[in-house]
Amino acid sequence: MSTSTPVVIDSSTGVINFTPTVLNQRAVVAIRVEEYRGVKIGEVFGIGSSHDQLWVKHTTAH
């Protein structure tokens, strides 16, 4: 995925932020989350399934 900013995931909310530079592009992404309480206690890979698809589309804000 072509972006003008790094892809950043908020560690508290899980919100993913980035600024795409190309319209109508698609990307398959996978996210791994590790949970620590002093030591690593768990890990989850993917969101719902092992991979998700992002599709960048132009929309008009309302």
PDB file of N, CA and C in Angstrom:
ATOM      1  N   MET A   1       0.845  -1.163   0.000  1.00  0.00           N
ATOM      2  CA  MET A   1       0.000   0.000   0.000  1.00  0.00           C
ATOM      3  C   MET A   1       0.893   1.229   0.000  1.00  0.00           C
ATOM      4  N   SER A   2       0.608   2.134  -0.891  1.00  0.00           N
ATOM      5  CA  SER A   2       1.383   3.363  -1.012  1.00  0.00           C
ATOM      6  C   SER A   2       0.809   4.419  -0.065  1.00  0.00           C
ATOM      7  N   THR A   3       1.638   4.885   0.874  1.00  0.00           N
ATOM      8  CA  THR A   3       1.187   5.888   1.841  1.00  0.00           C
ATOM      9  C   THR A   3       2.221   6.992   1.977  1.00  0.00           C
ATOM     10  N   SER A   4       1.753   8.174   2.380  1.00  0.00           N
ATOM     11  CA  SER A   4       2.678   9.286   2.607  1.00  0.00           C
ATOM     12  C   SER A   4       3.073   9.384   4.076  1.00  0.00           C
ATOM     13  N   THR A   5       2.426   8.592   4.923  1.00  0.00           N
ATOM     14  CA  THR A   5       2.748   8.548   6.351  1.00  0.00           C
ATOM     15  C   THR A   5       2.896   7.087   6.759  1.00  0.00           C
ATOM     16  N   PRO A   6       3.593   6.817   7.842  1.00  0.00           N
ATOM     17  CA  PRO A   6       3.682   5.434   8.311  1.00  0.00           C
ATOM     18  C   PRO A   6       2.302   4.922   8.741  1.00  0.00           C
ATOM     19  N   VAL A   7       2.107   3.623   8.648  1.00  0.00           N
ATOM     20  CA  VAL A   7       0.893   3.005   9.175  1.00  0.00           C
ATOM     21  C   VAL A   7       1.086   2.879  10.681  1.00  0.00           C
ATOM     22  N   VAL A   8       0.153   3.470  11.453  1.00  0.00           N
ATOM     23  CA  VAL A   8       0.264   3.491  12.904  1.00  0.00           C
ATOM     24  C   VAL A   8      -0.988   2.878  13.507  1.00  0.00           C
ATOM     25  N   ILE A   9      -0.807   1.972  14.469  1.00  0.00           N
ATOM     26  CA  ILE A   9      -1.920   1.363  15.190  1.00  0.00           C
ATOM     27  C   ILE A   9      -1.896   1.881  16.614  1.00  0.00           C
ATOM     28  N   ASP A  10      -2.996   2.514  17.045  1.00  0.00           N
ATOM     29  CA  ASP A  10      -3.110   3.011  18.419  1.00  0.00           C
ATOM     30  C   ASP A  10      -3.174   1.808  19.362  1.00  0.00           C
ATOM     31  N   SER A  11      -2.242   1.711  20.278  1.00  0.00           N
ATOM     32  CA  SER A  11      -2.169   0.542  21.161  1.00  0.00           C
ATOM     33  C   SER A  11      -3.318   0.462  22.158  1.00  0.00           C
ATOM     34  N   SER A  12      -4.025   1.552  22.390  1.00  0.00           N
ATOM     35  CA  SER A  12      -5.163   1.544  23.314  1.00  0.00           C
ATOM     36  C   SER A  12      -6.482   1.233  22.622  1.00  0.00           C
ATOM     37  N   THR A  13      -6.673   1.776  21.409  1.00  0.00           N
ATOM     38  CA  THR A  13      -7.961   1.637  20.731  1.00  0.00           C
ATOM     39  C   THR A  13      -7.948   0.658  19.562  1.00  0.00           C
ATOM     40  N   GLY A  14      -6.766   0.401  18.999  1.00  0.00           N
ATOM     41  CA  GLY A  14      -6.676  -0.463  17.829  1.00  0.00           C
ATOM     42  C   GLY A  14      -6.960   0.261  16.524  1.00  0.00           C
ATOM     43  N   VAL A  15      -7.199   1.573  16.578  1.00  0.00           N
ATOM     44  CA  VAL A  15      -7.475   2.351  15.365  1.00  0.00           C
ATOM     45  C   VAL A  15      -6.216   2.405  14.509  1.00  0.00           C
ATOM     46  N   ILE A  16      -6.389   2.133  13.211  1.00  0.00           N
ATOM     47  CA  ILE A  16      -5.277   2.156  12.262  1.00  0.00           C
ATOM     48  C   ILE A  16      -5.331   3.467  11.487  1.00  0.00           C
ATOM     49  N   ASN A  17      -4.230   4.220  11.476  1.00  0.00           N
ATOM     50  CA  ASN A  17      -4.163   5.504  10.772  1.00  0.00           C
ATOM     51  C   ASN A  17      -3.033   5.498   9.758  1.00  0.00           C
ATOM     52  N   PHE A  18      -3.337   6.031   8.569  1.00  0.00           N
ATOM     53  CA  PHE A  18      -2.332   6.254   7.532  1.00  0.00           C
ATOM     54  C   PHE A  18      -2.947   7.163   6.477  1.00  0.00           C
ATOM     55  N   THR A  19      -2.104   7.744   5.631  1.00  0.00           N
ATOM     56  CA  THR A  19      -2.569   8.614   4.558  1.00  0.00           C
ATOM     57  C   THR A  19      -2.210   7.970   3.222  1.00  0.00           C
ATOM     58  N   PRO A  20      -3.210   7.403   2.515  1.00  0.00           N
ATOM     59  CA  PRO A  20      -2.916   6.765   1.233  1.00  0.00           C
ATOM     60  C   PRO A  20      -2.561   7.802   0.177  1.00  0.00           C
ATOM     61  N   THR A  21      -1.731   7.408  -0.767  1.00  0.00           N
ATOM     62  CA  THR A  21      -1.330   8.321  -1.839  1.00  0.00           C
ATOM     63  C   THR A  21      -1.872   7.899  -3.203  1.00  0.00           C
ATOM     64  N   VAL A  22      -2.456   6.723  -3.295  1.00  0.00           N
ATOM     65  CA  VAL A  22      -2.992   6.219  -4.560  1.00  0.00           C
ATOM     66  C   VAL A  22      -4.422   5.747  -4.327  1.00  0.00           C
ATOM     67  N   LEU A  23      -5.364   6.206  -5.174  1.00  0.00           N
ATOM     68  CA  LEU A  23      -6.750   5.750  -5.066  1.00  0.00           C
ATOM     69  C   LEU A  23      -6.918   4.389  -5.731  1.00  0.00           C
ATOM     70  N   ASN A  24      -7.967   3.685  -5.320  1.00  0.00           N
ATOM     71  CA  ASN A  24      -8.333   2.383  -5.879  1.00  0.00           C
ATOM     72  C   ASN A  24      -7.221   1.348  -5.770  1.00  0.00           C
ATOM     73  N   GLN A  25      -6.471   1.409  -4.690  1.00  0.00           N
ATOM     74  CA  GLN A  25      -5.483   0.381  -4.437  1.00  0.00           C
ATOM     75  C   GLN A  25      -6.020  -0.557  -3.365  1.00  0.00           C
ATOM     76  N   ARG A  26      -5.597  -1.780  -3.402  1.00  0.00           N
ATOM     77  CA  ARG A  26      -6.001  -2.770  -2.405  1.00  0.00           C
ATOM     78  C   ARG A  26      -4.756  -3.401  -1.820  1.00  0.00           C
ATOM     79  N   ALA A  27      -4.856  -3.784  -0.564  1.00  0.00           N
ATOM     80  CA  ALA A  27      -3.734  -4.445   0.093  1.00  0.00           C
ATOM     81  C   ALA A  27      -4.273  -5.472   1.077  1.00  0.00           C
ATOM     82  N   VAL A  28      -3.644  -6.607   1.133  1.00  0.00           N
ATOM     83  CA  VAL A  28      -3.975  -7.615   2.136  1.00  0.00           C
ATOM     84  C   VAL A  28      -3.050  -7.379   3.318  1.00  0.00           C
ATOM     85  N   VAL A  29      -3.631  -7.290   4.512  1.00  0.00           N
ATOM     86  CA  VAL A  29      -2.843  -7.014   5.701  1.00  0.00           C
ATOM     87  C   VAL A  29      -3.093  -8.094   6.752  1.00  0.00           C
ATOM     88  N   ALA A  30      -2.107  -8.306   7.565  1.00  0.00           N
ATOM     89  CA  ALA A  30      -2.236  -9.187   8.722  1.00  0.00           C
ATOM     90  C   ALA A  30      -1.643  -8.448   9.906  1.00  0.00           C
ATOM     91  N   ILE A  31      -2.289  -8.567  11.053  1.00  0.00           N
ATOM     92  CA  ILE A  31      -1.842  -7.863  12.253  1.00  0.00           C
ATOM     93  C   ILE A  31      -1.652  -8.877  13.372  1.00  0.00           C
ATOM     94  N   ARG A  32      -0.512  -8.791  14.034  1.00  0.00           N
ATOM     95  CA  ARG A  32      -0.243  -9.659  15.183  1.00  0.00           C
ATOM     96  C   ARG A  32      -0.266  -8.813  16.440  1.00  0.00           C
ATOM     97  N   VAL A  33      -1.029  -9.259  17.427  1.00  0.00           N
ATOM     98  CA  VAL A  33      -1.129  -8.551  18.703  1.00  0.00           C
ATOM     99  C   VAL A  33      -0.576  -9.459  19.786  1.00  0.00           C
ATOM    100  N   GLU A  34       0.351  -8.921  20.568  1.00  0.00           N
ATOM    101  CA  GLU A  34       0.916  -9.661  21.697  1.00  0.00           C
ATOM    102  C   GLU A  34       0.475  -8.991  22.990  1.00  0.00           C
ATOM    103  N   GLU A  35       0.120  -9.794  23.991  1.00  0.00           N
ATOM    104  CA  GLU A  35      -0.312  -9.254  25.284  1.00  0.00           C
ATOM    105  C   GLU A  35       0.725  -9.596  26.351  1.00  0.00           C
ATOM    106  N   TYR A  36       1.095  -8.560  27.113  1.00  0.00           N
ATOM    107  CA  TYR A  36       2.094  -8.721  28.167  1.00  0.00           C
ATOM    108  C   TYR A  36       1.523  -8.277  29.509  1.00  0.00           C
ATOM    109  N   ARG A  37       1.837  -8.991  30.540  1.00  0.00           N
ATOM    110  CA  ARG A  37       1.589  -8.573  31.929  1.00  0.00           C
ATOM    111  C   ARG A  37       2.866  -8.922  32.692  1.00  0.00           C
ATOM    112  N   GLY A  38       3.884  -8.126  32.418  1.00  0.00           N
ATOM    113  CA  GLY A  38       5.209  -8.443  32.942  1.00  0.00           C
ATOM    114  C   GLY A  38       5.931  -9.401  32.017  1.00  0.00           C
ATOM    115  N   VAL A  39       5.245 -10.456  31.600  1.00  0.00           N
ATOM    116  CA  VAL A  39       5.754 -11.421  30.633  1.00  0.00           C
ATOM    117  C   VAL A  39       4.681 -11.623  29.570  1.00  0.00           C
ATOM    118  N   LYS A  40       5.085 -12.135  28.431  1.00  0.00           N
ATOM    119  CA  LYS A  40       4.125 -12.373  27.358  1.00  0.00           C
ATOM    120  C   LYS A  40       3.147 -13.469  27.787  1.00  0.00           C
ATOM    121  N   ILE A  41       1.837 -13.162  27.696  1.00  0.00           N
ATOM    122  CA  ILE A  41       0.828 -14.151  28.100  1.00  0.00           C
ATOM    123  C   ILE A  41      -0.033 -14.628  26.932  1.00  0.00           C
ATOM    124  N   GLY A  42       0.054 -13.954  25.793  1.00  0.00           N
ATOM    125  CA  GLY A  42      -0.761 -14.394  24.666  1.00  0.00           C
ATOM    126  C   GLY A  42      -0.418 -13.679  23.386  1.00  0.00           C
ATOM    127  N   GLU A  43      -0.983 -14.207  22.295  1.00  0.00           N
ATOM    128  CA  GLU A  43      -0.743 -13.645  20.976  1.00  0.00           C
ATOM    129  C   GLU A  43      -1.934 -13.974  20.080  1.00  0.00           C
ATOM    130  N   VAL A  44      -2.363 -12.995  19.270  1.00  0.00           N
ATOM    131  CA  VAL A  44      -3.428 -13.184  18.299  1.00  0.00           C
ATOM    132  C   VAL A  44      -2.901 -12.695  16.962  1.00  0.00           C
ATOM    133  N   PHE A  45      -3.178 -13.443  15.899  1.00  0.00           N
ATOM    134  CA  PHE A  45      -2.710 -13.078  14.569  1.00  0.00           C
ATOM    135  C   PHE A  45      -3.915 -12.883  13.671  1.00  0.00           C
ATOM    136  N   GLY A  46      -4.017 -11.697  13.047  1.00  0.00           N
ATOM    137  CA  GLY A  46      -5.132 -11.410  12.156  1.00  0.00           C
ATOM    138  C   GLY A  46      -6.261 -10.708  12.876  1.00  0.00           C
ATOM    139  N   ILE A  47      -7.297 -10.333  12.133  1.00  0.00           N
ATOM    140  CA  ILE A  47      -8.485  -9.694  12.692  1.00  0.00           C
ATOM    141  C   ILE A  47      -9.678 -10.501  12.200  1.00  0.00           C
ATOM    142  N   GLY A  48     -10.246 -11.301  13.045  1.00  0.00           N
ATOM    143  CA  GLY A  48     -11.379 -12.120  12.631  1.00  0.00           C
ATOM    144  C   GLY A  48     -10.917 -13.353  11.867  1.00  0.00           C
ATOM    145  N   SER A  49     -10.085 -13.159  10.881  1.00  0.00           N
ATOM    146  CA  SER A  49      -9.462 -14.259  10.157  1.00  0.00           C
ATOM    147  C   SER A  49      -7.971 -13.970  10.124  1.00  0.00           C
ATOM    148  N   SER A  50      -7.232 -14.750   9.389  1.00  0.00           N
ATOM    149  CA  SER A  50      -5.781 -14.537   9.402  1.00  0.00           C
ATOM    150  C   SER A  50      -5.343 -13.335   8.575  1.00  0.00           C
ATOM    151  N   HIS A  51      -6.205 -12.862   7.657  1.00  0.00           N
ATOM    152  CA  HIS A  51      -5.855 -11.705   6.828  1.00  0.00           C
ATOM    153  C   HIS A  51      -7.101 -10.869   6.559  1.00  0.00           C
ATOM    154  N   ASP A  52      -6.918  -9.602   6.355  1.00  0.00           N
ATOM    155  CA  ASP A  52      -8.001  -8.710   5.982  1.00  0.00           C
ATOM    156  C   ASP A  52      -7.562  -7.875   4.793  1.00  0.00           C
ATOM    157  N   GLN A  53      -8.542  -7.293   4.104  1.00  0.00           N
ATOM    158  CA  GLN A  53      -8.252  -6.504   2.917  1.00  0.00           C
ATOM    159  C   GLN A  53      -8.632  -5.048   3.152  1.00  0.00           C
ATOM    160  N   LEU A  54      -7.739  -4.135   2.792  1.00  0.00           N
ATOM    161  CA  LEU A  54      -8.030  -2.704   2.817  1.00  0.00           C
ATOM    162  C   LEU A  54      -8.235  -2.249   1.387  1.00  0.00           C
ATOM    163  N   TRP A  55      -9.228  -1.410   1.168  1.00  0.00           N
ATOM    164  CA  TRP A  55      -9.486  -0.867  -0.162  1.00  0.00           C
ATOM    165  C   TRP A  55      -9.596   0.637  -0.019  1.00  0.00           C
ATOM    166  N   VAL A  56      -8.723   1.384  -0.669  1.00  0.00           N
ATOM    167  CA  VAL A  56      -8.690   2.835  -0.601  1.00  0.00           C
ATOM    168  C   VAL A  56      -9.597   3.374  -1.704  1.00  0.00           C
ATOM    169  N   LYS A  57     -10.658   4.088  -1.310  1.00  0.00           N
ATOM    170  CA  LYS A  57     -11.599   4.661  -2.263  1.00  0.00           C
ATOM    171  C   LYS A  57     -11.788   6.134  -1.957  1.00  0.00           C
ATOM    172  N   HIS A  58     -12.055   6.915  -2.981  1.00  0.00           N
ATOM    173  CA  HIS A  58     -12.353   8.327  -2.797  1.00  0.00           C
ATOM    174  C   HIS A  58     -13.845   8.472  -2.465  1.00  0.00           C
ATOM    175  N   THR A  59     -14.134   9.207  -1.398  1.00  0.00           N
ATOM    176  CA  THR A  59     -15.521   9.476  -1.046  1.00  0.00           C
ATOM    177  C   THR A  59     -15.664  10.964  -0.763  1.00  0.00           C
ATOM    178  N   THR A  60     -16.884  11.448  -0.845  1.00  0.00           N
ATOM    179  CA  THR A  60     -17.163  12.836  -0.536  1.00  0.00           C
ATOM    180  C   THR A  60     -17.647  12.918   0.903  1.00  0.00           C
ATOM    181  N   ALA A  61     -16.987  13.736   1.702  1.00  0.00           N
ATOM    182  CA  ALA A  61     -17.368  13.876   3.114  1.00  0.00           C
ATOM    183  C   ALA A  61     -18.719  14.581   3.210  1.00  0.00           C
ATOM    184  N   HIS A  62     -19.550  14.131   4.130  1.00  0.00           N
ATOM    185  CA  HIS A  62     -20.868  14.747   4.341  1.00  0.00           C
ATOM    186  C   HIS A  62     -20.941  15.350   5.708  1.00  0.00           C
TER     187      HIS A  62
END
